[in-house]
Amino acid sequence: AILQKKAERDGLSRQVNLNNDMLTLIAECHPGNVRELEGALNKVVATALLEGGQWDMARLQRMLGTHVGRQSLN
């Protein structure tokens, strides 16, 4: 919920096409405090803006270094 509100407030979801599953994955990878969550989100957004292209769950998992067995809704 924290990441969803920040993404909506800052317009990040539209800039890099982050969906709820992606935000959940970021939160699961960084279960610490709010600053860590926001830092992880900022890292994902910055990387997405620099690299461009279409982002999906597989690309996000590679960036975060995770192998979570979740299905993408894309």
PDB file of N, CA and C in Angstrom:
ATOM      1  N   ALA A   1       0.825  -1.193   0.000  1.00  0.00           N
ATOM      2  CA  ALA A   1       0.000   0.000   0.000  1.00  0.00           C
ATOM      3  C   ALA A   1       0.869   1.257   0.000  1.00  0.00           C
ATOM      4  N   ILE A   2       1.996   1.205   0.718  1.00  0.00           N
ATOM      5  CA  ILE A   2       2.903   2.354   0.780  1.00  0.00           C
ATOM      6  C   ILE A   2       3.441   2.672  -0.611  1.00  0.00           C
ATOM      7  N   LEU A   3       3.890   1.633  -1.313  1.00  0.00           N
ATOM      8  CA  LEU A   3       4.449   1.851  -2.652  1.00  0.00           C
ATOM      9  C   LEU A   3       3.379   2.306  -3.639  1.00  0.00           C
ATOM     10  N   GLN A   4       2.169   1.757  -3.509  1.00  0.00           N
ATOM     11  CA  GLN A   4       1.094   2.171  -4.409  1.00  0.00           C
ATOM     12  C   GLN A   4       0.783   3.648  -4.240  1.00  0.00           C
ATOM     13  N   LYS A   5       0.703   4.109  -3.002  1.00  0.00           N
ATOM     14  CA  LYS A   5       0.409   5.520  -2.759  1.00  0.00           C
ATOM     15  C   LYS A   5       1.527   6.419  -3.279  1.00  0.00           C
ATOM     16  N   LYS A   6       2.780   6.021  -3.046  1.00  0.00           N
ATOM     17  CA  LYS A   6       3.909   6.823  -3.530  1.00  0.00           C
ATOM     18  C   LYS A   6       3.928   6.849  -5.055  1.00  0.00           C
ATOM     19  N   ALA A   7       3.709   5.704  -5.670  1.00  0.00           N
ATOM     20  CA  ALA A   7       3.716   5.631  -7.130  1.00  0.00           C
ATOM     21  C   ALA A   7       2.602   6.485  -7.731  1.00  0.00           C
ATOM     22  N   GLU A   8       1.423   6.439  -7.117  1.00  0.00           N
ATOM     23  CA  GLU A   8       0.312   7.260  -7.593  1.00  0.00           C
ATOM     24  C   GLU A   8       0.582   8.747  -7.374  1.00  0.00           C
ATOM     25  N   ARG A   9       1.059   9.077  -6.182  1.00  0.00           N
ATOM     26  CA  ARG A   9       1.310  10.477  -5.830  1.00  0.00           C
ATOM     27  C   ARG A   9       2.350  11.103  -6.752  1.00  0.00           C
ATOM     28  N   ASP A  10       3.405  10.345  -7.050  1.00  0.00           N
ATOM     29  CA  ASP A  10       4.494  10.875  -7.870  1.00  0.00           C
ATOM     30  C   ASP A  10       4.327  10.586  -9.355  1.00  0.00           C
ATOM     31  N   GLY A  11       3.260   9.891  -9.733  1.00  0.00           N
ATOM     32  CA  GLY A  11       3.030   9.570 -11.141  1.00  0.00           C
ATOM     33  C   GLY A  11       3.999   8.541 -11.690  1.00  0.00           C
ATOM     34  N   LEU A  12       4.587   7.730 -10.812  1.00  0.00           N
ATOM     35  CA  LEU A  12       5.613   6.786 -11.240  1.00  0.00           C
ATOM     36  C   LEU A  12       5.043   5.614 -12.014  1.00  0.00           C
ATOM     37  N   SER A  13       3.857   5.174 -11.644  1.00  0.00           N
ATOM     38  CA  SER A  13       3.267   4.020 -12.325  1.00  0.00           C
ATOM     39  C   SER A  13       3.101   4.280 -13.814  1.00  0.00           C
ATOM     40  N   ARG A  14       2.719   5.489 -14.151  1.00  0.00           N
ATOM     41  CA  ARG A  14       2.530   5.828 -15.569  1.00  0.00           C
ATOM     42  C   ARG A  14       3.861   5.998 -16.284  1.00  0.00           C
ATOM     43  N   GLN A  15       4.856   6.539 -15.603  1.00  0.00           N
ATOM     44  CA  GLN A  15       6.151   6.788 -16.240  1.00  0.00           C
ATOM     45  C   GLN A  15       6.838   5.505 -16.670  1.00  0.00           C
ATOM     46  N   VAL A  16       6.765   4.477 -15.846  1.00  0.00           N
ATOM     47  CA  VAL A  16       7.480   3.242 -16.161  1.00  0.00           C
ATOM     48  C   VAL A  16       6.567   2.028 -16.223  1.00  0.00           C
ATOM     49  N   ASN A  17       5.258   2.256 -16.232  1.00  0.00           N
ATOM     50  CA  ASN A  17       4.279   1.185 -16.403  1.00  0.00           C
ATOM     51  C   ASN A  17       4.396   0.106 -15.327  1.00  0.00           C
ATOM     52  N   LEU A  18       4.407   0.511 -14.061  1.00  0.00           N
ATOM     53  CA  LEU A  18       4.442  -0.439 -12.950  1.00  0.00           C
ATOM     54  C   LEU A  18       3.016  -0.817 -12.574  1.00  0.00           C
ATOM     55  N   ASN A  19       2.760  -2.113 -12.458  1.00  0.00           N
ATOM     56  CA  ASN A  19       1.439  -2.556 -12.032  1.00  0.00           C
ATOM     57  C   ASN A  19       1.502  -3.012 -10.574  1.00  0.00           C
ATOM     58  N   ASN A  20       0.367  -3.409 -10.027  1.00  0.00           N
ATOM     59  CA  ASN A  20       0.305  -3.796  -8.619  1.00  0.00           C
ATOM     60  C   ASN A  20       1.186  -5.000  -8.301  1.00  0.00           C
ATOM     61  N   ASP A  21       1.271  -5.969  -9.221  1.00  0.00           N
ATOM     62  CA  ASP A  21       2.124  -7.131  -8.997  1.00  0.00           C
ATOM     63  C   ASP A  21       3.590  -6.726  -8.888  1.00  0.00           C
ATOM     64  N   MET A  22       3.997  -5.774  -9.703  1.00  0.00           N
ATOM     65  CA  MET A  22       5.382  -5.305  -9.663  1.00  0.00           C
ATOM     66  C   MET A  22       5.677  -4.588  -8.347  1.00  0.00           C
ATOM     67  N   LEU A  23       4.743  -3.758  -7.909  1.00  0.00           N
ATOM     68  CA  LEU A  23       4.930  -3.062  -6.638  1.00  0.00           C
ATOM     69  C   LEU A  23       4.975  -4.051  -5.479  1.00  0.00           C
ATOM     70  N   THR A  24       4.163  -5.100  -5.558  1.00  0.00           N
ATOM     71  CA  THR A  24       4.168  -6.135  -4.524  1.00  0.00           C
ATOM     72  C   THR A  24       5.510  -6.857  -4.498  1.00  0.00           C
ATOM     73  N   LEU A  25       6.056  -7.150  -5.655  1.00  0.00           N
ATOM     74  CA  LEU A  25       7.355  -7.818  -5.726  1.00  0.00           C
ATOM     75  C   LEU A  25       8.451  -6.955  -5.088  1.00  0.00           C
ATOM     76  N   ILE A  26       8.441  -5.671  -5.380  1.00  0.00           N
ATOM     77  CA  ILE A  26       9.424  -4.762  -4.780  1.00  0.00           C
ATOM     78  C   ILE A  26       9.279  -4.783  -3.266  1.00  0.00           C
ATOM     79  N   ALA A  27       8.037  -4.735  -2.785  1.00  0.00           N
ATOM     80  CA  ALA A  27       7.798  -4.744  -1.340  1.00  0.00           C
ATOM     81  C   ALA A  27       8.250  -6.051  -0.706  1.00  0.00           C
ATOM     82  N   GLU A  28       8.037  -7.169  -1.390  1.00  0.00           N
ATOM     83  CA  GLU A  28       8.445  -8.466  -0.852  1.00  0.00           C
ATOM     84  C   GLU A  28       9.962  -8.601  -0.792  1.00  0.00           C
ATOM     85  N   CYS A  29      10.651  -7.963  -1.725  1.00  0.00           N
ATOM     86  CA  CYS A  29      12.115  -8.035  -1.752  1.00  0.00           C
ATOM     87  C   CYS A  29      12.754  -7.105  -0.730  1.00  0.00           C
ATOM     88  N   HIS A  30      12.022  -6.124  -0.266  1.00  0.00           N
ATOM     89  CA  HIS A  30      12.539  -5.131   0.682  1.00  0.00           C
ATOM     90  C   HIS A  30      11.541  -4.960   1.828  1.00  0.00           C
ATOM     91  N   PRO A  31      11.451  -5.978   2.696  1.00  0.00           N
ATOM     92  CA  PRO A  31      10.437  -5.923   3.753  1.00  0.00           C
ATOM     93  C   PRO A  31      10.821  -5.049   4.945  1.00  0.00           C
ATOM     94  N   GLY A  32      11.868  -4.272   4.806  1.00  0.00           N
ATOM     95  CA  GLY A  32      12.328  -3.436   5.907  1.00  0.00           C
ATOM     96  C   GLY A  32      11.442  -2.233   6.140  1.00  0.00           C
ATOM     97  N   ASN A  33      12.059  -1.135   6.426  1.00  0.00           N
ATOM     98  CA  ASN A  33      11.299   0.076   6.759  1.00  0.00           C
ATOM     99  C   ASN A  33      10.852   0.837   5.510  1.00  0.00           C
ATOM    100  N   VAL A  34      10.123   1.900   5.735  1.00  0.00           N
ATOM    101  CA  VAL A  34       9.545   2.685   4.647  1.00  0.00           C
ATOM    102  C   VAL A  34      10.630   3.297   3.765  1.00  0.00           C
ATOM    103  N   ARG A  35      11.707   3.753   4.363  1.00  0.00           N
ATOM    104  CA  ARG A  35      12.784   4.357   3.552  1.00  0.00           C
ATOM    105  C   ARG A  35      13.403   3.346   2.604  1.00  0.00           C
ATOM    106  N   GLU A  36      13.578   2.105   3.060  1.00  0.00           N
ATOM    107  CA  GLU A  36      14.115   1.071   2.182  1.00  0.00           C
ATOM    108  C   GLU A  36      13.156   0.782   1.027  1.00  0.00           C
ATOM    109  N   LEU A  37      11.872   0.740   1.330  1.00  0.00           N
ATOM    110  CA  LEU A  37      10.873   0.520   0.282  1.00  0.00           C
ATOM    111  C   LEU A  37      10.911   1.637  -0.760  1.00  0.00           C
ATOM    112  N   GLU A  38      10.912   2.866  -0.288  1.00  0.00           N
ATOM    113  CA  GLU A  38      10.939   4.002  -1.218  1.00  0.00           C
ATOM    114  C   GLU A  38      12.241   4.036  -2.003  1.00  0.00           C
ATOM    115  N   GLY A  39      13.347   3.681  -1.368  1.00  0.00           N
ATOM    116  CA  GLY A  39      14.631   3.626  -2.067  1.00  0.00           C
ATOM    117  C   GLY A  39      14.625   2.572  -3.162  1.00  0.00           C
ATOM    118  N   ALA A  40      14.045   1.413  -2.866  1.00  0.00           N
ATOM    119  CA  ALA A  40      13.952   0.352  -3.868  1.00  0.00           C
ATOM    120  C   ALA A  40      13.080   0.790  -5.040  1.00  0.00           C
ATOM    121  N   LEU A  41      11.967   1.436  -4.735  1.00  0.00           N
ATOM    122  CA  LEU A  41      11.090   1.931  -5.799  1.00  0.00           C
ATOM    123  C   LEU A  41      11.808   2.975  -6.641  1.00  0.00           C
ATOM    124  N   ASN A  42      12.507   3.883  -6.001  1.00  0.00           N
ATOM    125  CA  ASN A  42      13.261   4.905  -6.745  1.00  0.00           C
ATOM    126  C   ASN A  42      14.323   4.281  -7.636  1.00  0.00           C
ATOM    127  N   LYS A  43      14.982   3.227  -7.150  1.00  0.00           N
ATOM    128  CA  LYS A  43      16.000   2.536  -7.949  1.00  0.00           C
ATOM    129  C   LYS A  43      15.373   1.904  -9.183  1.00  0.00           C
ATOM    130  N   VAL A  44      14.233   1.261  -9.000  1.00  0.00           N
ATOM    131  CA  VAL A  44      13.546   0.624 -10.126  1.00  0.00           C
ATOM    132  C   VAL A  44      13.124   1.671 -11.147  1.00  0.00           C
ATOM    133  N   VAL A  45      12.543   2.763 -10.675  1.00  0.00           N
ATOM    134  CA  VAL A  45      12.082   3.812 -11.582  1.00  0.00           C
ATOM    135  C   VAL A  45      13.255   4.437 -12.334  1.00  0.00           C
ATOM    136  N   ALA A  46      14.334   4.742 -11.626  1.00  0.00           N
ATOM    137  CA  ALA A  46      15.506   5.347 -12.267  1.00  0.00           C
ATOM    138  C   ALA A  46      16.085   4.412 -13.327  1.00  0.00           C
ATOM    139  N   THR A  47      16.195   3.139 -12.992  1.00  0.00           N
ATOM    140  CA  THR A  47      16.727   2.170 -13.953  1.00  0.00           C
ATOM    141  C   THR A  47      15.804   2.048 -15.162  1.00  0.00           C
ATOM    142  N   ALA A  48      14.514   2.003 -14.908  1.00  0.00           N
ATOM    143  CA  ALA A  48      13.553   1.892 -16.005  1.00  0.00           C
ATOM    144  C   ALA A  48      13.624   3.098 -16.929  1.00  0.00           C
ATOM    145  N   LEU A  49      13.739   4.286 -16.349  1.00  0.00           N
ATOM    146  CA  LEU A  49      13.809   5.489 -17.175  1.00  0.00           C
ATOM    147  C   LEU A  49      15.099   5.555 -17.982  1.00  0.00           C
ATOM    148  N   LEU A  50      16.200   5.100 -17.394  1.00  0.00           N
ATOM    149  CA  LEU A  50      17.483   5.118 -18.101  1.00  0.00           C
ATOM    150  C   LEU A  50      17.550   4.068 -19.202  1.00  0.00           C
ATOM    151  N   GLU A  51      17.050   2.868 -18.907  1.00  0.00           N
ATOM    152  CA  GLU A  51      17.143   1.770 -19.864  1.00  0.00           C
ATOM    153  C   GLU A  51      16.024   1.799 -20.892  1.00  0.00           C
ATOM    154  N   GLY A  52      14.890   2.341 -20.505  1.00  0.00           N
ATOM    155  CA  GLY A  52      13.752   2.381 -21.420  1.00  0.00           C
ATOM    156  C   GLY A  52      13.214   0.998 -21.702  1.00  0.00           C
ATOM    157  N   GLY A  53      12.413   0.899 -22.718  1.00  0.00           N
ATOM    158  CA  GLY A  53      11.831  -0.384 -23.084  1.00  0.00           C
ATOM    159  C   GLY A  53      10.645  -0.750 -22.225  1.00  0.00           C
ATOM    160  N   GLN A  54      10.044  -1.866 -22.536  1.00  0.00           N
ATOM    161  CA  GLN A  54       8.872  -2.346 -21.816  1.00  0.00           C
ATOM    162  C   GLN A  54       9.303  -3.145 -20.589  1.00  0.00           C
ATOM    163  N   TRP A  55       8.733  -2.826 -19.442  1.00  0.00           N
ATOM    164  CA  TRP A  55       9.055  -3.535 -18.208  1.00  0.00           C
ATOM    165  C   TRP A  55       7.982  -4.558 -17.913  1.00  0.00           C
ATOM    166  N   ASP A  56       8.416  -5.746 -17.513  1.00  0.00           N
ATOM    167  CA  ASP A  56       7.502  -6.794 -17.098  1.00  0.00           C
ATOM    168  C   ASP A  56       8.068  -7.451 -15.842  1.00  0.00           C
ATOM    169  N   MET A  57       7.366  -8.445 -15.316  1.00  0.00           N
ATOM    170  CA  MET A  57       7.789  -9.086 -14.070  1.00  0.00           C
ATOM    171  C   MET A  57       9.158  -9.746 -14.209  1.00  0.00           C
ATOM    172  N   ALA A  58       9.418 -10.383 -15.344  1.00  0.00           N
ATOM    173  CA  ALA A  58      10.703 -11.069 -15.529  1.00  0.00           C
ATOM    174  C   ALA A  58      11.860 -10.077 -15.487  1.00  0.00           C
ATOM    175  N   ARG A  59      11.697  -8.960 -16.149  1.00  0.00           N
ATOM    176  CA  ARG A  59      12.753  -7.943 -16.161  1.00  0.00           C
ATOM    177  C   ARG A  59      12.948  -7.356 -14.770  1.00  0.00           C
ATOM    178  N   LEU A  60      11.865  -7.128 -14.054  1.00  0.00           N
ATOM    179  CA  LEU A  60      11.953  -6.607 -12.698  1.00  0.00           C
ATOM    180  C   LEU A  60      12.635  -7.609 -11.774  1.00  0.00           C
ATOM    181  N   GLN A  61      12.300  -8.885 -11.913  1.00  0.00           N
ATOM    182  CA  GLN A  61      12.940  -9.920 -11.106  1.00  0.00           C
ATOM    183  C   GLN A  61      14.437  -9.970 -11.361  1.00  0.00           C
ATOM    184  N   ARG A  62      14.839  -9.858 -12.614  1.00  0.00           N
ATOM    185  CA  ARG A  62      16.277  -9.849 -12.935  1.00  0.00           C
ATOM    186  C   ARG A  62      16.958  -8.654 -12.295  1.00  0.00           C
ATOM    187  N   MET A  63      16.322  -7.504 -12.365  1.00  0.00           N
ATOM    188  CA  MET A  63      16.913  -6.309 -11.787  1.00  0.00           C
ATOM    189  C   MET A  63      17.052  -6.422 -10.269  1.00  0.00           C
ATOM    190  N   LEU A  64      16.034  -6.983  -9.634  1.00  0.00           N
ATOM    191  CA  LEU A  64      16.060  -7.119  -8.181  1.00  0.00           C
ATOM    192  C   LEU A  64      16.852  -8.336  -7.725  1.00  0.00           C
ATOM    193  N   GLY A  65      17.211  -9.206  -8.673  1.00  0.00           N
ATOM    194  CA  GLY A  65      17.959 -10.403  -8.321  1.00  0.00           C
ATOM    195  C   GLY A  65      17.115 -11.434  -7.614  1.00  0.00           C
ATOM    196  N   THR A  66      15.860 -11.548  -8.010  1.00  0.00           N
ATOM    197  CA  THR A  66      14.957 -12.488  -7.368  1.00  0.00           C
ATOM    198  C   THR A  66      14.543 -13.582  -8.329  1.00  0.00           C
ATOM    199  N   HIS A  67      14.071 -14.643  -7.774  1.00  0.00           N
ATOM    200  CA  HIS A  67      13.535 -15.750  -8.560  1.00  0.00           C
ATOM    201  C   HIS A  67      12.206 -16.164  -7.963  1.00  0.00           C
ATOM    202  N   VAL A  68      11.354 -15.191  -7.768  1.00  0.00           N
ATOM    203  CA  VAL A  68      10.062 -15.437  -7.160  1.00  0.00           C
ATOM    204  C   VAL A  68       9.152 -16.081  -8.187  1.00  0.00           C
ATOM    205  N   GLY A  69       8.470 -17.127  -7.816  1.00  0.00           N
ATOM    206  CA  GLY A  69       7.603 -17.845  -8.742  1.00  0.00           C
ATOM    207  C   GLY A  69       6.227 -17.225  -8.837  1.00  0.00           C
ATOM    208  N   ARG A  70       6.138 -15.984  -9.274  1.00  0.00           N
ATOM    209  CA  ARG A  70       4.855 -15.301  -9.418  1.00  0.00           C
ATOM    210  C   ARG A  70       4.523 -15.201 -10.901  1.00  0.00           C
ATOM    211  N   GLN A  71       3.249 -15.197 -11.199  1.00  0.00           N
ATOM    212  CA  GLN A  71       2.819 -15.020 -12.578  1.00  0.00           C
ATOM    213  C   GLN A  71       2.489 -13.571 -12.830  1.00  0.00           C
ATOM    214  N   SER A  72       2.880 -13.092 -13.967  1.00  0.00           N
ATOM    215  CA  SER A  72       2.569 -11.736 -14.357  1.00  0.00           C
ATOM    216  C   SER A  72       1.168 -11.668 -14.939  1.00  0.00           C
ATOM    217  N   LEU A  73       0.497 -10.550 -14.696  1.00  0.00           N
ATOM    218  CA  LEU A  73      -0.822 -10.349 -15.286  1.00  0.00           C
ATOM    219  C   LEU A  73      -0.738  -9.649 -16.618  1.00  0.00           C
ATOM    220  N   ASN A  74       0.504  -9.375 -17.083  1.00  0.00           N
ATOM    221  CA  ASN A  74       0.686  -8.680 -18.364  1.00  0.00           C
ATOM    222  C   ASN A  74       0.373  -9.588 -19.508  1.00  0.00           C
TER     223      ASN A  74
END
